[in-house]
Amino acid sequence: MEERIREVLANHGRLSVDPQSVTSEADLYELGLTSHASVNVMLALEDEFDVEFPDEDLKKATFSSVQSLATVVNKLLDGVA
């Protein structure tokens, strides 16, 4: 799961570092993620995992780290949204 999220971040996140080299808890905004790039990441994650982010998960905290993204995507995959 985190590996796939990191690949999406590498392709769409426009981070200043390689997403493969950061911890799961690293602040993605401190690493260069912008609000515009987070929308691209969200769309790419929706395609990658065949999920749709509900409005309540469209907040900065969701996109703040690989770990927080994995938590939300897992919740969506489990149908708990």
N, C-alpha and C. Protein backbone atom coordinates (compact mmCIF):
# COMPACT_ATOMS: atom_id res chain seq x y z
N MET A 1 0.82 -1.19 0.00
CA MET A 1 0.00 0.00 0.00
C MET A 1 0.87 1.26 0.00
N GLU A 2 1.76 1.37 0.97
CA GLU A 2 2.61 2.57 1.04
C GLU A 2 3.51 2.69 -0.18
N GLU A 3 3.95 1.57 -0.71
CA GLU A 3 4.79 1.60 -1.91
C GLU A 3 4.03 2.22 -3.09
N ARG A 4 2.79 1.84 -3.26
CA ARG A 4 1.97 2.38 -4.34
C ARG A 4 1.69 3.87 -4.12
N ILE A 5 1.46 4.25 -2.88
CA ILE A 5 1.24 5.67 -2.56
C ILE A 5 2.50 6.46 -2.86
N ARG A 6 3.65 5.92 -2.51
CA ARG A 6 4.92 6.61 -2.79
C ARG A 6 5.14 6.78 -4.30
N GLU A 7 4.74 5.78 -5.07
CA GLU A 7 4.86 5.88 -6.54
C GLU A 7 3.97 7.01 -7.06
N VAL A 8 2.76 7.10 -6.54
CA VAL A 8 1.85 8.19 -6.95
C VAL A 8 2.46 9.53 -6.56
N LEU A 9 3.01 9.62 -5.36
CA LEU A 9 3.65 10.87 -4.92
C LEU A 9 4.83 11.23 -5.82
N ALA A 10 5.59 10.23 -6.21
CA ALA A 10 6.74 10.49 -7.08
C ALA A 10 6.29 11.03 -8.43
N ASN A 11 5.18 10.54 -8.93
CA ASN A 11 4.69 10.94 -10.25
C ASN A 11 3.85 12.21 -10.24
N HIS A 12 3.21 12.52 -9.12
CA HIS A 12 2.24 13.62 -9.11
C HIS A 12 2.44 14.64 -7.98
N GLY A 13 3.30 14.34 -7.01
CA GLY A 13 3.41 15.19 -5.83
C GLY A 13 4.32 16.38 -5.95
N ARG A 14 5.20 16.36 -6.95
CA ARG A 14 6.15 17.46 -7.14
C ARG A 14 6.94 17.78 -5.86
N LEU A 15 7.35 16.75 -5.16
CA LEU A 15 8.10 16.93 -3.91
C LEU A 15 9.55 17.28 -4.22
N SER A 16 10.19 17.92 -3.25
CA SER A 16 11.59 18.31 -3.41
C SER A 16 12.54 17.15 -3.14
N VAL A 17 12.00 16.02 -2.67
CA VAL A 17 12.80 14.82 -2.39
C VAL A 17 12.09 13.61 -2.97
N ASP A 18 12.82 12.52 -3.09
CA ASP A 18 12.24 11.26 -3.56
C ASP A 18 11.33 10.70 -2.45
N PRO A 19 10.05 10.48 -2.73
CA PRO A 19 9.14 9.95 -1.71
C PRO A 19 9.60 8.60 -1.14
N GLN A 20 10.40 7.86 -1.91
CA GLN A 20 10.90 6.57 -1.41
C GLN A 20 11.88 6.75 -0.26
N SER A 21 12.46 7.94 -0.14
CA SER A 21 13.52 8.16 0.85
C SER A 21 13.03 8.79 2.15
N VAL A 22 11.74 9.02 2.29
CA VAL A 22 11.23 9.67 3.50
C VAL A 22 10.46 8.67 4.36
N THR A 23 10.37 8.99 5.64
CA THR A 23 9.62 8.11 6.55
C THR A 23 8.13 8.24 6.27
N SER A 24 7.37 7.29 6.74
CA SER A 24 5.92 7.29 6.54
C SER A 24 5.25 8.47 7.23
N GLU A 25 5.90 8.98 8.28
CA GLU A 25 5.32 10.07 9.06
C GLU A 25 5.82 11.45 8.61
N ALA A 26 6.74 11.51 7.65
CA ALA A 26 7.31 12.79 7.21
C ALA A 26 6.22 13.72 6.69
N ASP A 27 6.32 15.00 7.02
CA ASP A 27 5.35 16.00 6.60
C ASP A 27 5.55 16.31 5.11
N LEU A 28 4.60 15.88 4.29
CA LEU A 28 4.72 16.04 2.85
C LEU A 28 4.67 17.51 2.44
N TYR A 29 3.97 18.32 3.21
CA TYR A 29 3.92 19.76 2.89
C TYR A 29 5.27 20.42 3.13
N GLU A 30 5.98 19.98 4.16
CA GLU A 30 7.33 20.50 4.40
C GLU A 30 8.29 20.05 3.29
N LEU A 31 7.96 18.94 2.63
CA LEU A 31 8.81 18.41 1.55
C LEU A 31 8.41 18.96 0.18
N GLY A 32 7.48 19.90 0.16
CA GLY A 32 7.17 20.58 -1.09
C GLY A 32 5.80 20.33 -1.68
N LEU A 33 4.97 19.51 -1.03
CA LEU A 33 3.63 19.26 -1.56
C LEU A 33 2.81 20.55 -1.47
N THR A 34 2.21 20.94 -2.57
CA THR A 34 1.36 22.13 -2.60
C THR A 34 -0.10 21.70 -2.64
N SER A 35 -1.00 22.65 -2.43
CA SER A 35 -2.41 22.31 -2.49
C SER A 35 -2.79 21.84 -3.90
N HIS A 36 -2.21 22.47 -4.91
CA HIS A 36 -2.48 22.05 -6.30
C HIS A 36 -1.98 20.62 -6.53
N ALA A 37 -0.76 20.33 -6.08
CA ALA A 37 -0.21 18.99 -6.25
C ALA A 37 -1.01 17.96 -5.45
N SER A 38 -1.55 18.36 -4.30
CA SER A 38 -2.33 17.41 -3.50
C SER A 38 -3.60 17.00 -4.25
N VAL A 39 -4.17 17.91 -5.04
CA VAL A 39 -5.34 17.54 -5.87
C VAL A 39 -4.93 16.51 -6.92
N ASN A 40 -3.78 16.72 -7.54
CA ASN A 40 -3.28 15.75 -8.52
C ASN A 40 -3.01 14.40 -7.87
N VAL A 41 -2.45 14.42 -6.67
CA VAL A 41 -2.20 13.18 -5.92
C VAL A 41 -3.52 12.49 -5.62
N MET A 42 -4.51 13.25 -5.17
CA MET A 42 -5.82 12.67 -4.85
C MET A 42 -6.42 11.99 -6.09
N LEU A 43 -6.40 12.68 -7.22
CA LEU A 43 -6.96 12.10 -8.45
C LEU A 43 -6.21 10.84 -8.86
N ALA A 44 -4.89 10.87 -8.73
CA ALA A 44 -4.08 9.70 -9.09
C ALA A 44 -4.34 8.54 -8.14
N LEU A 45 -4.51 8.84 -6.85
CA LEU A 45 -4.81 7.77 -5.89
C LEU A 45 -6.19 7.18 -6.16
N GLU A 46 -7.15 8.02 -6.54
CA GLU A 46 -8.48 7.50 -6.88
C GLU A 46 -8.38 6.54 -8.05
N ASP A 47 -7.59 6.88 -9.04
CA ASP A 47 -7.40 5.98 -10.19
C ASP A 47 -6.64 4.72 -9.79
N GLU A 48 -5.58 4.88 -9.01
CA GLU A 48 -4.72 3.76 -8.63
C GLU A 48 -5.49 2.71 -7.82
N PHE A 49 -6.31 3.17 -6.88
CA PHE A 49 -6.99 2.25 -5.96
C PHE A 49 -8.49 2.08 -6.25
N ASP A 50 -8.99 2.76 -7.30
CA ASP A 50 -10.40 2.69 -7.65
C ASP A 50 -11.30 3.05 -6.47
N VAL A 51 -11.00 4.19 -5.87
CA VAL A 51 -11.78 4.72 -4.75
C VAL A 51 -12.13 6.17 -5.07
N GLU A 52 -13.00 6.74 -4.24
CA GLU A 52 -13.32 8.16 -4.37
C GLU A 52 -13.24 8.79 -2.98
N PHE A 53 -12.44 9.84 -2.88
CA PHE A 53 -12.30 10.53 -1.60
C PHE A 53 -13.58 11.31 -1.29
N PRO A 54 -14.23 11.02 -0.16
CA PRO A 54 -15.41 11.79 0.22
C PRO A 54 -15.00 13.18 0.72
N ASP A 55 -15.94 14.10 0.72
CA ASP A 55 -15.65 15.48 1.12
C ASP A 55 -14.98 15.56 2.49
N GLU A 56 -15.39 14.71 3.42
CA GLU A 56 -14.82 14.80 4.77
C GLU A 56 -13.33 14.44 4.82
N ASP A 57 -12.83 13.77 3.80
CA ASP A 57 -11.41 13.43 3.75
C ASP A 57 -10.60 14.39 2.89
N LEU A 58 -11.25 15.39 2.34
CA LEU A 58 -10.54 16.38 1.51
C LEU A 58 -10.05 17.52 2.40
N LYS A 59 -9.07 17.19 3.23
CA LYS A 59 -8.49 18.17 4.14
C LYS A 59 -6.98 18.00 4.18
N LYS A 60 -6.33 19.02 4.62
CA LYS A 60 -4.87 19.03 4.61
C LYS A 60 -4.29 17.84 5.37
N ALA A 61 -4.88 17.48 6.49
CA ALA A 61 -4.36 16.39 7.32
C ALA A 61 -4.31 15.07 6.55
N THR A 62 -5.26 14.84 5.66
CA THR A 62 -5.29 13.59 4.88
C THR A 62 -4.02 13.44 4.05
N PHE A 63 -3.52 14.55 3.51
CA PHE A 63 -2.40 14.51 2.59
C PHE A 63 -1.08 14.89 3.26
N SER A 64 -1.06 14.91 4.59
CA SER A 64 0.12 15.38 5.30
C SER A 64 1.27 14.38 5.36
N SER A 65 0.98 13.08 5.17
CA SER A 65 2.04 12.08 5.23
C SER A 65 1.62 10.83 4.46
N VAL A 66 2.59 10.01 4.16
CA VAL A 66 2.29 8.73 3.50
C VAL A 66 1.39 7.91 4.42
N GLN A 67 1.68 7.94 5.71
CA GLN A 67 0.90 7.16 6.67
C GLN A 67 -0.56 7.62 6.70
N SER A 68 -0.80 8.93 6.72
CA SER A 68 -2.18 9.41 6.76
C SER A 68 -2.92 9.07 5.46
N LEU A 69 -2.22 9.15 4.33
CA LEU A 69 -2.84 8.75 3.06
C LEU A 69 -3.19 7.26 3.08
N ALA A 70 -2.30 6.44 3.58
CA ALA A 70 -2.55 5.00 3.65
C ALA A 70 -3.75 4.69 4.54
N THR A 71 -3.86 5.41 5.65
CA THR A 71 -4.99 5.20 6.56
C THR A 71 -6.32 5.50 5.86
N VAL A 72 -6.38 6.62 5.15
CA VAL A 72 -7.61 7.00 4.46
C VAL A 72 -7.91 6.04 3.31
N VAL A 73 -6.91 5.71 2.52
CA VAL A 73 -7.13 4.79 1.39
C VAL A 73 -7.60 3.42 1.91
N ASN A 74 -6.98 2.93 2.97
CA ASN A 74 -7.41 1.64 3.55
C ASN A 74 -8.85 1.72 4.01
N LYS A 75 -9.22 2.83 4.63
CA LYS A 75 -10.61 3.01 5.08
C LYS A 75 -11.56 2.98 3.89
N LEU A 76 -11.17 3.64 2.80
CA LEU A 76 -12.02 3.66 1.60
C LEU A 76 -12.12 2.29 0.96
N LEU A 77 -11.03 1.56 0.95
CA LEU A 77 -11.03 0.21 0.38
C LEU A 77 -11.87 -0.76 1.20
N ASP A 78 -11.92 -0.50 2.52
CA ASP A 78 -12.72 -1.36 3.40
C ASP A 78 -14.20 -0.99 3.39
N GLY A 79 -14.51 0.13 2.70
CA GLY A 79 -15.91 0.55 2.62
C GLY A 79 -16.45 1.19 3.87
N VAL A 80 -15.55 1.73 4.69
CA VAL A 80 -15.97 2.34 5.94
C VAL A 80 -16.22 3.84 5.76
N ALA A 81 -16.05 4.33 4.55
CA ALA A 81 -16.13 5.79 4.29
C ALA A 81 -17.46 6.36 4.72
